[in-house]
Amino acid sequence: MTVLSYKENRFNLQANKIVWQKNYRVTSVSRLIFLFNFIILATIITGSIFYIIWTVQTTNYRLDIQKSEKRIQSLEEKSADLKIQLSQLSTSSNIDKILVGTNLIKENHPIYFASQKSSTPISLNKANEPKSE
């Protein structure tokens, strides 16, 4: 009696080869699908992370701008108060009140702005020197 082994049977070898090729094609296609799904998922996760970071940064910038605007408004109010105080001090009646408590005198035509006529010219040449009397 002749016994053929399973490995030596040509039909079985061909059938195994065809099944292996089908399985290889299926696994390669499933690997490509898995890789494509992984790339899509990684892109979505990365995009979500960057969107969250961007949103947090813009929110921080908006809060900083709001704080700066409030600070600017308070500084403008202080500046307006100082301008009002300066205009009140610069009026003539208020200057007189301030000068009463001090030893200062208000002069409308101060003498120290008048031109001095008693100036003597200084020169380096003997020709330009003033003649002595």
C-alpha atoms as a PDB file:
ATOM      1  CA  MET A   1       0.000   0.000   0.000  1.00  0.00           C
ATOM      2  CA  THR A   2       1.277   3.365  -1.008  1.00  0.00           C
ATOM      3  CA  VAL A   3       0.752   6.246   1.341  1.00  0.00           C
ATOM      4  CA  LEU A   4       1.172   9.781   0.140  1.00  0.00           C
ATOM      5  CA  SER A   5       1.960  12.385   2.689  1.00  0.00           C
ATOM      6  CA  TYR A   6       0.016  15.595   2.942  1.00  0.00           C
ATOM      7  CA  LYS A   7       3.082  17.671   2.001  1.00  0.00           C
ATOM      8  CA  GLU A   8       3.813  15.739  -1.117  1.00  0.00           C
ATOM      9  CA  ASN A   9       0.322  16.041  -2.454  1.00  0.00           C
ATOM     10  CA  ARG A  10       0.565  18.581  -5.297  1.00  0.00           C
ATOM     11  CA  PHE A  11      -3.061  19.632  -5.011  1.00  0.00           C
ATOM     12  CA  ASN A  12      -2.688  20.444  -1.350  1.00  0.00           C
ATOM     13  CA  LEU A  13       0.500  22.443  -2.009  1.00  0.00           C
ATOM     14  CA  GLN A  14      -1.234  24.564  -4.628  1.00  0.00           C
ATOM     15  CA  ALA A  15      -4.269  25.078  -2.409  1.00  0.00           C
ATOM     16  CA  ASN A  16      -2.064  26.186   0.504  1.00  0.00           C
ATOM     17  CA  LYS A  17      -0.172  28.577  -1.786  1.00  0.00           C
ATOM     18  CA  ILE A  18      -3.409  30.188  -3.009  1.00  0.00           C
ATOM     19  CA  VAL A  19      -4.756  30.503   0.530  1.00  0.00           C
ATOM     20  CA  TRP A  20      -1.473  32.032   1.698  1.00  0.00           C
ATOM     21  CA  GLN A  21      -1.521  34.583  -1.157  1.00  0.00           C
ATOM     22  CA  LYS A  22      -5.123  35.510  -0.312  1.00  0.00           C
ATOM     23  CA  ASN A  23      -4.246  35.875   3.365  1.00  0.00           C
ATOM     24  CA  TYR A  24      -1.198  37.965   2.517  1.00  0.00           C
ATOM     25  CA  ARG A  25      -3.282  40.261   0.308  1.00  0.00           C
ATOM     26  CA  VAL A  26      -5.912  40.572   3.005  1.00  0.00           C
ATOM     27  CA  THR A  27      -3.327  41.334   5.681  1.00  0.00           C
ATOM     28  CA  SER A  28      -1.530  43.886   3.489  1.00  0.00           C
ATOM     29  CA  VAL A  29      -4.826  45.652   2.715  1.00  0.00           C
ATOM     30  CA  SER A  30      -5.814  45.534   6.381  1.00  0.00           C
ATOM     31  CA  ARG A  31      -2.391  46.952   7.307  1.00  0.00           C
ATOM     32  CA  LEU A  32      -2.891  49.823   4.866  1.00  0.00           C
ATOM     33  CA  ILE A  33      -6.361  50.483   6.263  1.00  0.00           C
ATOM     34  CA  PHE A  34      -4.969  50.379   9.800  1.00  0.00           C
ATOM     35  CA  LEU A  35      -2.143  52.764   8.833  1.00  0.00           C
ATOM     36  CA  PHE A  36      -4.609  55.134   7.130  1.00  0.00           C
ATOM     37  CA  ASN A  37      -6.897  55.103  10.182  1.00  0.00           C
ATOM     38  CA  PHE A  38      -3.918  55.685  12.475  1.00  0.00           C
ATOM     39  CA  ILE A  39      -2.773  58.677  10.409  1.00  0.00           C
ATOM     40  CA  ILE A  40      -6.279  60.158  10.450  1.00  0.00           C
ATOM     41  CA  LEU A  41      -6.609  59.616  14.212  1.00  0.00           C
ATOM     42  CA  ALA A  42      -3.155  61.084  14.893  1.00  0.00           C
ATOM     43  CA  THR A  43      -4.004  64.117  12.731  1.00  0.00           C
ATOM     44  CA  ILE A  44      -7.277  64.683  14.590  1.00  0.00           C
ATOM     45  CA  ILE A  45      -5.612  64.378  18.011  1.00  0.00           C
ATOM     46  CA  THR A  46      -2.715  66.666  17.037  1.00  0.00           C
ATOM     47  CA  GLY A  47      -5.087  69.213  15.517  1.00  0.00           C
ATOM     48  CA  SER A  48      -7.245  69.148  18.650  1.00  0.00           C
ATOM     49  CA  ILE A  49      -4.233  69.721  20.893  1.00  0.00           C
ATOM     50  CA  PHE A  50      -3.003  72.654  18.779  1.00  0.00           C
ATOM     51  CA  TYR A  51      -6.518  74.130  18.673  1.00  0.00           C
ATOM     52  CA  ILE A  52      -6.795  73.956  22.465  1.00  0.00           C
ATOM     53  CA  ILE A  53      -3.367  75.574  22.914  1.00  0.00           C
ATOM     54  CA  TRP A  54      -4.247  78.306  20.393  1.00  0.00           C
ATOM     55  CA  THR A  55      -7.590  78.982  22.107  1.00  0.00           C
ATOM     56  CA  VAL A  56      -5.926  79.258  25.524  1.00  0.00           C
ATOM     57  CA  GLN A  57      -3.298  81.655  24.168  1.00  0.00           C
ATOM     58  CA  THR A  58      -5.866  83.915  22.488  1.00  0.00           C
ATOM     59  CA  THR A  59      -7.938  83.923  25.674  1.00  0.00           C
ATOM     60  CA  ASN A  60      -4.873  84.965  27.666  1.00  0.00           C
ATOM     61  CA  TYR A  61      -4.147  87.750  25.172  1.00  0.00           C
ATOM     62  CA  ARG A  62      -7.748  88.979  25.386  1.00  0.00           C
ATOM     63  CA  LEU A  63      -7.602  89.031  29.188  1.00  0.00           C
ATOM     64  CA  ASP A  64      -4.308  90.943  29.069  1.00  0.00           C
ATOM     65  CA  ILE A  65      -5.867  93.467  26.676  1.00  0.00           C
ATOM     66  CA  GLN A  66      -8.871  93.926  28.981  1.00  0.00           C
ATOM     67  CA  LYS A  67      -6.574  94.513  31.975  1.00  0.00           C
ATOM     68  CA  SER A  68      -4.527  97.002  29.954  1.00  0.00           C
ATOM     69  CA  GLU A  69      -7.668  98.845  28.839  1.00  0.00           C
ATOM     70  CA  LYS A  70      -8.846  99.173  32.461  1.00  0.00           C
ATOM     71  CA  ARG A  71      -5.408 100.435  33.482  1.00  0.00           C
ATOM     72  CA  ILE A  72      -5.384 102.948  30.613  1.00  0.00           C
ATOM     73  CA  GLN A  73      -8.826 104.227  31.626  1.00  0.00           C
ATOM     74  CA  SER A  74      -7.712 104.736  35.227  1.00  0.00           C
ATOM     75  CA  LEU A  75      -4.573 106.557  34.049  1.00  0.00           C
ATOM     76  CA  GLU A  76      -6.673 108.786  31.764  1.00  0.00           C
ATOM     77  CA  GLU A  77      -8.923 109.666  34.721  1.00  0.00           C
ATOM     78  CA  LYS A  78      -5.898 110.549  36.864  1.00  0.00           C
ATOM     79  CA  SER A  79      -4.471 112.628  34.027  1.00  0.00           C
ATOM     80  CA  ALA A  80      -7.762 114.509  33.652  1.00  0.00           C
ATOM     81  CA  ASP A  81      -7.823 115.190  37.416  1.00  0.00           C
ATOM     82  CA  LEU A  82      -4.265 116.526  37.287  1.00  0.00           C
ATOM     83  CA  LYS A  83      -5.119 118.752  34.310  1.00  0.00           C
ATOM     84  CA  ILE A  84      -8.100 120.163  36.217  1.00  0.00           C
ATOM     85  CA  GLN A  85      -5.930 120.845  39.266  1.00  0.00           C
ATOM     86  CA  LEU A  86      -3.288 122.531  37.096  1.00  0.00           C
ATOM     87  CA  SER A  87      -5.847 124.764  35.407  1.00  0.00           C
ATOM     88  CA  GLN A  88      -7.254 125.729  38.824  1.00  0.00           C
ATOM     89  CA  LEU A  89      -3.784 126.613  40.090  1.00  0.00           C
ATOM     90  CA  SER A  90      -2.864 128.670  37.059  1.00  0.00           C
ATOM     91  CA  THR A  91      -5.758 131.124  37.430  1.00  0.00           C
ATOM     92  CA  SER A  92      -4.770 134.576  38.708  1.00  0.00           C
ATOM     93  CA  SER A  93      -6.853 134.511  41.890  1.00  0.00           C
ATOM     94  CA  ASN A  94      -5.421 131.156  42.979  1.00  0.00           C
ATOM     95  CA  ILE A  95      -1.858 132.303  42.327  1.00  0.00           C
ATOM     96  CA  ASP A  96      -2.480 135.313  44.568  1.00  0.00           C
ATOM     97  CA  LYS A  97      -3.785 133.023  47.323  1.00  0.00           C
ATOM     98  CA  ILE A  98      -0.720 130.812  47.057  1.00  0.00           C
ATOM     99  CA  LEU A  99       1.657 133.790  47.108  1.00  0.00           C
ATOM    100  CA  VAL A 100       0.089 135.230  50.281  1.00  0.00           C
ATOM    101  CA  GLY A 101       1.441 132.341  52.371  1.00  0.00           C
ATOM    102  CA  THR A 102       4.957 132.699  50.951  1.00  0.00           C
ATOM    103  CA  ASN A 103       7.456 135.551  50.686  1.00  0.00           C
ATOM    104  CA  LEU A 104       7.109 135.708  46.910  1.00  0.00           C
ATOM    105  CA  ILE A 105       5.796 138.739  45.045  1.00  0.00           C
ATOM    106  CA  LYS A 106       3.873 138.654  41.809  1.00  0.00           C
ATOM    107  CA  GLU A 107       5.386 140.958  39.171  1.00  0.00           C
ATOM    108  CA  ASN A 108       3.737 141.699  35.868  1.00  0.00           C
ATOM    109  CA  HIS A 109       6.826 143.337  34.317  1.00  0.00           C
ATOM    110  CA  PRO A 110       9.941 141.820  35.854  1.00  0.00           C
ATOM    111  CA  ILE A 111      13.140 143.842  35.652  1.00  0.00           C
ATOM    112  CA  TYR A 112      15.451 140.920  35.002  1.00  0.00           C
ATOM    113  CA  PHE A 113      14.070 140.554  31.449  1.00  0.00           C
ATOM    114  CA  ALA A 114      15.093 144.107  30.500  1.00  0.00           C
ATOM    115  CA  SER A 115      18.194 144.480  28.316  1.00  0.00           C
ATOM    116  CA  GLN A 116      21.358 145.579  30.046  1.00  0.00           C
ATOM    117  CA  LYS A 117      23.160 148.531  28.375  1.00  0.00           C
ATOM    118  CA  SER A 118      26.257 148.443  30.525  1.00  0.00           C
ATOM    119  CA  SER A 119      28.009 145.614  28.733  1.00  0.00           C
ATOM    120  CA  THR A 120      31.675 145.920  27.755  1.00  0.00           C
ATOM    121  CA  PRO A 121      32.915 144.206  24.612  1.00  0.00           C
ATOM    122  CA  ILE A 122      35.868 141.879  24.901  1.00  0.00           C
ATOM    123  CA  SER A 123      38.216 141.412  21.964  1.00  0.00           C
ATOM    124  CA  LEU A 124      41.515 139.803  21.172  1.00  0.00           C
ATOM    125  CA  ASN A 125      42.852 142.568  18.870  1.00  0.00           C
ATOM    126  CA  LYS A 126      44.096 145.915  20.037  1.00  0.00           C
ATOM    127  CA  ALA A 127      42.129 147.565  17.278  1.00  0.00           C
ATOM    128  CA  ASN A 128      38.853 146.288  18.644  1.00  0.00           C
ATOM    129  CA  GLU A 129      39.573 147.060  22.248  1.00  0.00           C
ATOM    130  CA  PRO A 130      37.576 149.875  23.799  1.00  0.00           C
ATOM    131  CA  LYS A 131      39.472 153.085  24.337  1.00  0.00           C
ATOM    132  CA  SER A 132      40.134 153.893  27.902  1.00  0.00           C
ATOM    133  CA  GLU A 133      39.340 157.401  29.071  1.00  0.00           C
END
